[in-house]
Protein backbone atom coordinates (compact mmCIF):
# COMPACT_ATOMS: atom_id res chain seq x y z
CA THR A 1 121.42 96.06 122.72
CA ILE A 2 123.87 97.18 120.75
CA PRO A 3 126.47 94.41 120.03
CA ASP A 4 130.21 95.07 120.36
CA ASN A 5 132.15 94.93 116.74
CA TYR A 6 135.38 94.02 116.61
CA ALA A 7 137.11 94.31 113.24
CA LEU A 8 140.42 92.54 112.23
CA SER A 9 143.24 94.03 111.14
CA LEU A 10 145.90 92.18 109.08
CA LEU A 11 149.75 93.44 110.05
CA SER A 12 150.59 95.14 106.49
CA ASP A 13 147.49 95.63 104.07
CA PRO A 14 147.89 95.29 100.54
CA GLU A 15 147.13 98.40 98.78
CA ASP A 16 144.36 97.29 95.99
CA TYR A 17 141.89 94.70 95.30
CA ASN A 18 144.67 92.65 92.91
CA GLU A 19 147.12 92.23 95.44
CA THR A 20 144.23 91.44 98.09
CA ALA A 21 142.67 88.77 95.86
CA ASP A 22 146.28 87.44 94.86
CA LYS A 23 147.47 87.38 99.08
CA ALA A 24 144.03 85.66 99.93
CA LYS A 25 144.60 82.93 97.09
CA ALA A 26 148.45 82.74 98.33
CA GLU A 27 147.19 82.60 101.70
CA ARG A 28 144.97 79.58 101.30
CA ASP A 29 146.99 77.75 98.57
CA ASN A 30 150.05 77.70 101.36
CA GLY A 31 147.33 77.06 104.48
CA ASP A 32 148.76 80.03 106.00
CA ARG A 33 147.31 81.78 108.78
CA PRO A 34 148.14 85.54 108.81
CA LYS A 35 148.59 87.35 111.81
CA PHE A 36 145.81 90.33 112.95
CA LYS A 37 146.22 93.37 115.21
CA GLU A 38 145.39 92.75 118.58
CA LEU A 39 142.10 93.04 119.59
CA GLN A 40 140.95 94.00 123.29
CA PHE A 41 138.60 90.94 122.69
CA ASN A 42 137.82 88.36 125.16
CA PRO A 43 135.13 85.53 124.48
CA GLU A 44 134.02 84.78 127.63
CA SER A 45 132.16 88.25 127.58
CA TYR A 46 129.96 86.41 125.26
CA ASP A 47 127.54 83.52 124.38
CA THR A 48 127.24 84.07 120.82
CA ILE A 49 129.53 85.08 118.55
CA PHE A 50 128.79 86.28 115.06
CA ILE A 51 131.99 86.06 112.93
CA GLY A 52 131.24 87.68 109.55
CA PHE A 53 133.69 87.99 106.30
CA PRO A 54 134.25 88.03 102.54
CA ILE A 55 134.14 84.35 100.69
CA TRP A 56 137.03 84.27 98.50
CA TRP A 57 137.26 81.36 96.31
CA TYR A 58 134.74 79.83 97.64
CA ILE A 59 135.89 79.60 101.76
CA ALA A 60 136.50 82.27 103.96
CA PRO A 61 139.95 84.35 104.15
CA THR A 62 142.57 82.38 106.09
CA ILE A 63 142.80 85.27 108.78
CA ILE A 64 139.21 84.09 110.33
CA ASN A 65 140.95 80.59 110.92
CA THR A 66 143.57 82.90 112.45
CA PHE A 67 140.58 83.92 114.85
CA LEU A 68 139.33 80.79 115.95
CA GLU A 69 142.39 79.30 116.53
CA VAL A 70 143.85 82.26 118.69
CA TYR A 71 140.53 82.78 120.86
CA ASP A 72 139.31 79.76 123.17
CA PHE A 73 135.01 79.43 121.31
CA SER A 74 134.92 76.42 123.99
CA GLY A 75 131.14 76.29 125.09
CA LYS A 76 130.26 79.41 122.33
CA LYS A 77 127.52 79.65 119.82
CA ILE A 78 129.20 80.83 116.71
CA VAL A 79 127.33 82.37 114.24
CA LEU A 80 128.75 82.76 110.72
CA PHE A 81 127.32 85.20 108.01
CA ALA A 82 128.99 86.13 104.52
CA THR A 83 129.46 88.13 101.71
CA SER A 84 130.03 87.02 98.07
CA GLY A 85 129.78 87.94 94.53
CA GLY A 86 127.97 85.26 93.27
CA SER A 87 129.69 81.85 95.33
CA GLY A 88 127.90 81.38 97.81
CA PHE A 89 128.95 79.99 101.05
CA GLY A 90 130.66 77.40 99.21
CA LYS A 91 133.37 75.61 101.53
CA ALA A 92 133.47 77.92 104.18
CA VAL A 93 131.90 76.35 106.97
CA ASP A 94 134.24 72.78 106.34
CA SER A 95 136.93 74.87 105.59
CA LEU A 96 136.46 76.83 109.14
CA GLN A 97 135.78 73.45 111.28
CA PRO A 98 139.12 72.41 112.25
CA SER A 99 139.51 75.77 113.96
CA ALA A 100 136.64 75.73 115.60
CA PRO A 101 135.46 74.05 118.96
């Protein structure tokens, strides 16, 4: 079975890598919850939800927190996976835990 795939998109994306990195760092430092474009996503349709993201300064981008806070994942199994340039998972799980049930 091919799983459904959804991609979070910011309402306004920076143009280059350095802008993206600076924005992600500021969001992390300020505890921002950036908004994303609406998805046609219903967590009730799934038992297990895989969430992938890049690691930025040892945590997930705060848009992942936004995603976890917008939808009700009660009773769902959430599986995290990430890419990283070398920092590993770091504090990603700990930083997401308050946003997930």
